[in-house]
N, C-alpha and C. Protein backbone atom coordinates (compact mmCIF):
# COMPACT_ATOMS: atom_id res chain seq x y z
N UNK A 1 -8.93 -64.29 -82.37
CA UNK A 1 -9.47 -63.82 -81.11
C UNK A 1 -10.98 -63.87 -81.18
N UNK A 2 -11.46 -65.05 -81.22
CA UNK A 2 -12.90 -65.25 -81.30
C UNK A 2 -13.60 -64.59 -80.14
N UNK A 3 -14.71 -63.96 -80.44
CA UNK A 3 -15.49 -63.34 -79.39
C UNK A 3 -15.16 -61.88 -79.11
N UNK A 4 -14.04 -61.39 -79.63
CA UNK A 4 -13.67 -60.00 -79.36
C UNK A 4 -13.76 -59.12 -80.59
N UNK A 5 -14.14 -59.71 -81.70
CA UNK A 5 -14.33 -58.93 -82.93
C UNK A 5 -13.08 -58.15 -83.31
N UNK A 6 -13.24 -56.89 -83.61
CA UNK A 6 -12.13 -56.07 -84.07
C UNK A 6 -11.44 -55.30 -82.94
N UNK A 7 -11.82 -55.58 -81.70
CA UNK A 7 -11.26 -54.84 -80.56
C UNK A 7 -9.73 -54.85 -80.52
N UNK A 8 -9.06 -56.01 -80.60
CA UNK A 8 -7.59 -56.00 -80.59
C UNK A 8 -7.00 -55.30 -81.80
N UNK A 9 -7.65 -55.43 -82.94
CA UNK A 9 -7.13 -54.81 -84.16
C UNK A 9 -7.22 -53.28 -84.09
N UNK A 10 -8.28 -52.77 -83.49
CA UNK A 10 -8.41 -51.30 -83.34
C UNK A 10 -7.29 -50.75 -82.47
N UNK A 11 -6.94 -51.47 -81.42
CA UNK A 11 -5.87 -51.01 -80.54
C UNK A 11 -4.49 -51.17 -81.18
N UNK A 12 -4.34 -52.17 -82.05
CA UNK A 12 -3.11 -52.31 -82.81
C UNK A 12 -2.95 -51.13 -83.75
N UNK A 13 -4.04 -50.73 -84.38
CA UNK A 13 -4.00 -49.55 -85.26
C UNK A 13 -3.65 -48.30 -84.48
N UNK A 14 -4.25 -48.12 -83.30
CA UNK A 14 -3.94 -46.97 -82.46
C UNK A 14 -2.46 -46.93 -82.10
N UNK A 15 -1.91 -48.10 -81.80
CA UNK A 15 -0.50 -48.19 -81.44
C UNK A 15 0.38 -47.77 -82.62
N UNK A 16 0.11 -48.31 -83.79
CA UNK A 16 0.91 -47.97 -84.97
C UNK A 16 0.79 -46.49 -85.29
N UNK A 17 -0.42 -45.94 -85.20
CA UNK A 17 -0.61 -44.52 -85.48
C UNK A 17 0.08 -43.63 -84.44
N UNK A 18 0.09 -44.08 -83.19
CA UNK A 18 0.76 -43.33 -82.13
C UNK A 18 2.27 -43.22 -82.41
N UNK A 19 2.86 -44.32 -82.81
CA UNK A 19 4.30 -44.36 -83.09
C UNK A 19 4.61 -43.71 -84.43
N UNK A 20 3.71 -43.89 -85.40
CA UNK A 20 3.94 -43.42 -86.77
C UNK A 20 4.27 -44.62 -87.63
N UNK A 21 3.77 -44.65 -88.84
CA UNK A 21 3.92 -45.83 -89.69
C UNK A 21 5.39 -46.08 -90.07
N UNK A 22 6.12 -45.05 -90.43
CA UNK A 22 7.54 -45.23 -90.81
C UNK A 22 8.37 -45.72 -89.62
N UNK A 23 8.29 -45.06 -88.45
CA UNK A 23 9.05 -45.58 -87.30
C UNK A 23 8.60 -46.98 -86.90
N UNK A 24 7.30 -47.27 -87.03
CA UNK A 24 6.80 -48.61 -86.69
C UNK A 24 7.41 -49.66 -87.61
N UNK A 25 7.57 -49.33 -88.89
CA UNK A 25 8.21 -50.26 -89.83
C UNK A 25 9.65 -50.52 -89.41
N UNK A 26 10.36 -49.49 -89.03
CA UNK A 26 11.76 -49.65 -88.61
C UNK A 26 11.88 -50.44 -87.32
N UNK A 27 11.00 -50.17 -86.36
CA UNK A 27 11.06 -50.86 -85.06
C UNK A 27 10.70 -52.33 -85.15
N UNK A 28 9.80 -52.67 -86.06
CA UNK A 28 9.33 -54.06 -86.16
C UNK A 28 10.01 -54.85 -87.26
N UNK A 29 10.60 -54.15 -88.22
CA UNK A 29 11.18 -54.83 -89.37
C UNK A 29 10.12 -55.30 -90.35
N UNK A 30 8.92 -54.75 -90.24
CA UNK A 30 7.79 -55.14 -91.10
C UNK A 30 7.50 -54.02 -92.09
N UNK A 31 6.90 -54.39 -93.21
CA UNK A 31 6.51 -53.39 -94.21
C UNK A 31 5.21 -52.71 -93.80
N UNK A 32 4.91 -51.61 -94.48
CA UNK A 32 3.63 -50.92 -94.25
C UNK A 32 2.46 -51.85 -94.51
N UNK A 33 2.56 -52.64 -95.56
CA UNK A 33 1.47 -53.56 -95.92
C UNK A 33 1.26 -54.60 -94.83
N UNK A 34 2.34 -55.14 -94.30
CA UNK A 34 2.22 -56.15 -93.24
C UNK A 34 1.63 -55.55 -91.99
N UNK A 35 2.10 -54.37 -91.61
CA UNK A 35 1.53 -53.70 -90.43
C UNK A 35 0.04 -53.44 -90.65
N UNK A 36 -0.32 -53.02 -91.84
CA UNK A 36 -1.73 -52.76 -92.16
C UNK A 36 -2.59 -54.00 -92.03
N UNK A 37 -2.05 -55.13 -92.37
CA UNK A 37 -2.81 -56.40 -92.24
C UNK A 37 -3.10 -56.73 -90.78
N UNK A 38 -2.21 -56.32 -89.90
CA UNK A 38 -2.40 -56.61 -88.48
C UNK A 38 -3.63 -55.89 -87.91
N UNK A 39 -4.00 -54.76 -88.49
CA UNK A 39 -5.17 -54.04 -87.97
C UNK A 39 -6.30 -53.89 -88.98
N UNK A 40 -6.18 -54.55 -90.11
CA UNK A 40 -7.23 -54.50 -91.13
C UNK A 40 -8.50 -55.19 -90.64
N UNK A 41 -9.66 -54.60 -91.00
CA UNK A 41 -10.93 -55.22 -90.66
C UNK A 41 -11.51 -56.04 -91.82
N UNK A 42 -10.70 -56.26 -92.85
CA UNK A 42 -11.13 -57.11 -93.97
C UNK A 42 -11.08 -58.58 -93.55
N UNK A 43 -11.93 -59.41 -94.13
CA UNK A 43 -12.00 -60.82 -93.74
C UNK A 43 -10.70 -61.62 -93.97
N UNK A 44 -9.98 -61.33 -95.06
CA UNK A 44 -8.81 -62.13 -95.41
C UNK A 44 -7.75 -62.17 -94.29
N UNK A 45 -7.29 -61.02 -93.77
CA UNK A 45 -6.28 -61.10 -92.70
C UNK A 45 -6.88 -61.10 -91.29
N UNK A 46 -8.12 -61.53 -91.15
CA UNK A 46 -8.78 -61.45 -89.85
C UNK A 46 -8.13 -62.32 -88.78
N UNK A 47 -7.35 -63.31 -89.20
CA UNK A 47 -6.68 -64.17 -88.23
C UNK A 47 -5.21 -63.82 -88.04
N UNK A 48 -4.79 -62.66 -88.55
CA UNK A 48 -3.40 -62.21 -88.41
C UNK A 48 -3.30 -61.16 -87.33
N UNK A 49 -2.38 -61.37 -86.41
CA UNK A 49 -2.15 -60.42 -85.32
C UNK A 49 -0.67 -60.17 -85.18
N UNK A 50 -0.32 -59.01 -84.65
CA UNK A 50 1.06 -58.63 -84.48
C UNK A 50 1.73 -59.52 -83.41
N UNK A 51 2.98 -59.89 -83.66
CA UNK A 51 3.74 -60.69 -82.70
C UNK A 51 4.01 -59.86 -81.45
N UNK A 52 4.08 -60.54 -80.32
CA UNK A 52 4.22 -59.85 -79.03
C UNK A 52 5.51 -59.05 -78.94
N UNK A 53 6.60 -59.54 -79.52
CA UNK A 53 7.84 -58.77 -79.45
C UNK A 53 7.72 -57.45 -80.21
N UNK A 54 6.99 -57.46 -81.32
CA UNK A 54 6.76 -56.23 -82.07
C UNK A 54 5.85 -55.28 -81.27
N UNK A 55 4.84 -55.83 -80.61
CA UNK A 55 3.95 -55.02 -79.76
C UNK A 55 4.76 -54.34 -78.67
N UNK A 56 5.61 -55.10 -78.00
CA UNK A 56 6.41 -54.55 -76.90
C UNK A 56 7.33 -53.44 -77.41
N UNK A 57 8.00 -53.65 -78.53
CA UNK A 57 8.88 -52.61 -79.08
C UNK A 57 8.11 -51.35 -79.43
N UNK A 58 6.94 -51.50 -80.01
CA UNK A 58 6.14 -50.32 -80.36
C UNK A 58 5.58 -49.63 -79.12
N UNK A 59 5.16 -50.40 -78.13
CA UNK A 59 4.61 -49.79 -76.92
C UNK A 59 5.69 -49.05 -76.13
N UNK A 60 6.92 -49.51 -76.19
CA UNK A 60 8.03 -48.76 -75.58
C UNK A 60 8.18 -47.41 -76.26
N UNK A 61 8.10 -47.41 -77.59
CA UNK A 61 8.23 -46.17 -78.35
C UNK A 61 7.03 -45.25 -78.13
N UNK A 62 5.85 -45.84 -77.99
CA UNK A 62 4.63 -45.05 -77.81
C UNK A 62 4.53 -44.48 -76.41
N UNK A 63 5.04 -45.20 -75.42
CA UNK A 63 4.94 -44.74 -74.04
C UNK A 63 3.61 -45.10 -73.40
N UNK A 64 2.78 -45.83 -74.10
CA UNK A 64 1.49 -46.27 -73.55
C UNK A 64 1.20 -47.68 -74.04
N UNK A 65 0.74 -48.56 -73.19
CA UNK A 65 0.50 -49.95 -73.58
C UNK A 65 -0.85 -50.17 -74.26
N UNK A 66 -1.02 -49.67 -75.47
CA UNK A 66 -2.29 -49.75 -76.20
C UNK A 66 -2.83 -51.18 -76.28
N UNK A 67 -2.04 -52.08 -76.84
CA UNK A 67 -2.49 -53.44 -77.11
C UNK A 67 -2.57 -54.28 -75.82
N UNK A 68 -1.57 -54.15 -74.97
CA UNK A 68 -1.56 -54.92 -73.74
C UNK A 68 -2.71 -54.51 -72.83
N UNK A 69 -2.98 -53.21 -72.73
CA UNK A 69 -4.11 -52.78 -71.89
C UNK A 69 -5.43 -53.23 -72.51
N UNK A 70 -5.53 -53.24 -73.83
CA UNK A 70 -6.75 -53.73 -74.49
C UNK A 70 -6.96 -55.21 -74.19
N UNK A 71 -5.88 -55.97 -74.25
CA UNK A 71 -5.97 -57.40 -73.94
C UNK A 71 -6.42 -57.61 -72.50
N UNK A 72 -5.84 -56.87 -71.58
CA UNK A 72 -6.23 -57.02 -70.18
C UNK A 72 -7.67 -56.59 -69.94
N UNK A 73 -8.12 -55.61 -70.68
CA UNK A 73 -9.52 -55.17 -70.53
C UNK A 73 -10.50 -56.25 -70.95
N UNK A 74 -10.11 -57.07 -71.92
CA UNK A 74 -11.00 -58.16 -72.33
C UNK A 74 -11.06 -59.25 -71.26
N UNK A 75 -10.09 -59.25 -70.38
CA UNK A 75 -10.04 -60.23 -69.29
C UNK A 75 -10.69 -59.67 -68.02
N UNK A 76 -11.16 -58.42 -68.07
CA UNK A 76 -11.90 -57.73 -67.02
C UNK A 76 -11.11 -57.36 -65.75
N UNK A 77 -9.80 -57.09 -65.84
CA UNK A 77 -9.13 -56.57 -64.65
C UNK A 77 -9.13 -55.04 -64.67
N UNK A 78 -8.68 -54.44 -63.62
CA UNK A 78 -8.39 -53.02 -63.62
C UNK A 78 -6.89 -52.89 -63.73
N UNK A 79 -6.46 -51.88 -64.44
CA UNK A 79 -5.04 -51.64 -64.60
C UNK A 79 -4.73 -50.30 -63.95
N UNK A 80 -3.76 -50.30 -63.08
CA UNK A 80 -3.31 -49.04 -62.50
C UNK A 80 -1.82 -48.95 -62.79
N UNK A 81 -1.40 -47.85 -63.38
CA UNK A 81 0.03 -47.70 -63.59
C UNK A 81 0.39 -46.24 -63.51
N UNK A 82 1.60 -46.01 -63.08
CA UNK A 82 2.13 -44.67 -63.10
C UNK A 82 3.56 -44.79 -63.59
N UNK A 83 3.95 -43.87 -64.42
CA UNK A 83 5.28 -43.98 -64.99
C UNK A 83 5.74 -42.68 -65.61
N UNK A 84 7.02 -42.48 -65.57
CA UNK A 84 7.63 -41.43 -66.35
C UNK A 84 8.14 -42.02 -67.65
N UNK A 85 8.48 -43.29 -67.59
CA UNK A 85 8.98 -44.02 -68.76
C UNK A 85 8.40 -45.42 -68.72
N UNK A 86 8.47 -46.10 -69.88
CA UNK A 86 7.96 -47.47 -69.98
C UNK A 86 8.57 -48.38 -68.92
N UNK A 87 9.83 -48.28 -68.68
CA UNK A 87 10.52 -49.18 -67.75
C UNK A 87 10.04 -49.01 -66.32
N UNK A 88 9.31 -47.93 -66.05
CA UNK A 88 8.81 -47.69 -64.69
C UNK A 88 7.34 -48.06 -64.53
N UNK A 89 6.71 -48.61 -65.59
CA UNK A 89 5.30 -49.00 -65.46
C UNK A 89 5.15 -50.05 -64.36
N UNK A 90 4.17 -49.85 -63.56
CA UNK A 90 3.83 -50.82 -62.53
C UNK A 90 2.37 -51.19 -62.76
N UNK A 91 2.12 -52.49 -63.00
CA UNK A 91 0.77 -52.95 -63.24
C UNK A 91 0.23 -53.62 -62.00
N UNK A 92 -1.01 -53.36 -61.74
CA UNK A 92 -1.69 -54.03 -60.64
C UNK A 92 -3.05 -54.46 -61.17
N UNK A 93 -3.22 -55.75 -61.34
CA UNK A 93 -4.49 -56.26 -61.87
C UNK A 93 -5.38 -56.70 -60.73
N UNK A 94 -6.59 -56.21 -60.76
CA UNK A 94 -7.57 -56.49 -59.73
C UNK A 94 -8.84 -56.95 -60.43
N UNK A 95 -9.42 -58.05 -59.98
CA UNK A 95 -10.68 -58.51 -60.57
C UNK A 95 -11.74 -57.43 -60.38
N UNK A 96 -12.44 -57.12 -61.45
CA UNK A 96 -13.53 -56.14 -61.37
C UNK A 96 -14.45 -56.34 -62.56
N UNK A 97 -15.53 -55.62 -62.59
CA UNK A 97 -16.50 -55.71 -63.67
C UNK A 97 -16.07 -54.93 -64.90
N UNK A 98 -15.23 -53.93 -64.72
CA UNK A 98 -14.82 -53.09 -65.87
C UNK A 98 -13.34 -52.82 -65.77
N UNK A 99 -12.78 -52.43 -66.88
CA UNK A 99 -11.35 -52.09 -66.93
C UNK A 99 -11.19 -50.59 -66.78
N UNK A 100 -10.41 -50.19 -65.81
CA UNK A 100 -10.12 -48.79 -65.60
C UNK A 100 -8.64 -48.56 -65.76
N UNK A 101 -8.28 -47.66 -66.66
CA UNK A 101 -6.88 -47.32 -66.84
C UNK A 101 -6.68 -45.95 -66.24
N UNK A 102 -5.82 -45.88 -65.25
CA UNK A 102 -5.57 -44.62 -64.55
C UNK A 102 -4.14 -44.20 -64.87
N UNK A 103 -3.99 -43.05 -65.49
CA UNK A 103 -2.65 -42.58 -65.86
C UNK A 103 -2.20 -41.58 -64.83
């Protein structure tokens, strides 16, 4: 993700921490070490990112779209969603100068 530095990795870490490392391992089928590489700021795994299916499974468990909203923010839309559950999220992307997440 050239040009975005550690921004996606920080949100991946937030997602894993929100769900919890042990549940995240079970939901993704990945080890703690592998999950750690996805959000590590060390140079060696800098080109490793979590697969989208794993992100979706974790965001369902977290109840908040940490990584997806971070990605959309880099594209400069506004995100508006209201939900009681993940399946009820409604996204509306609008071109704007900044990303606003309204819960």
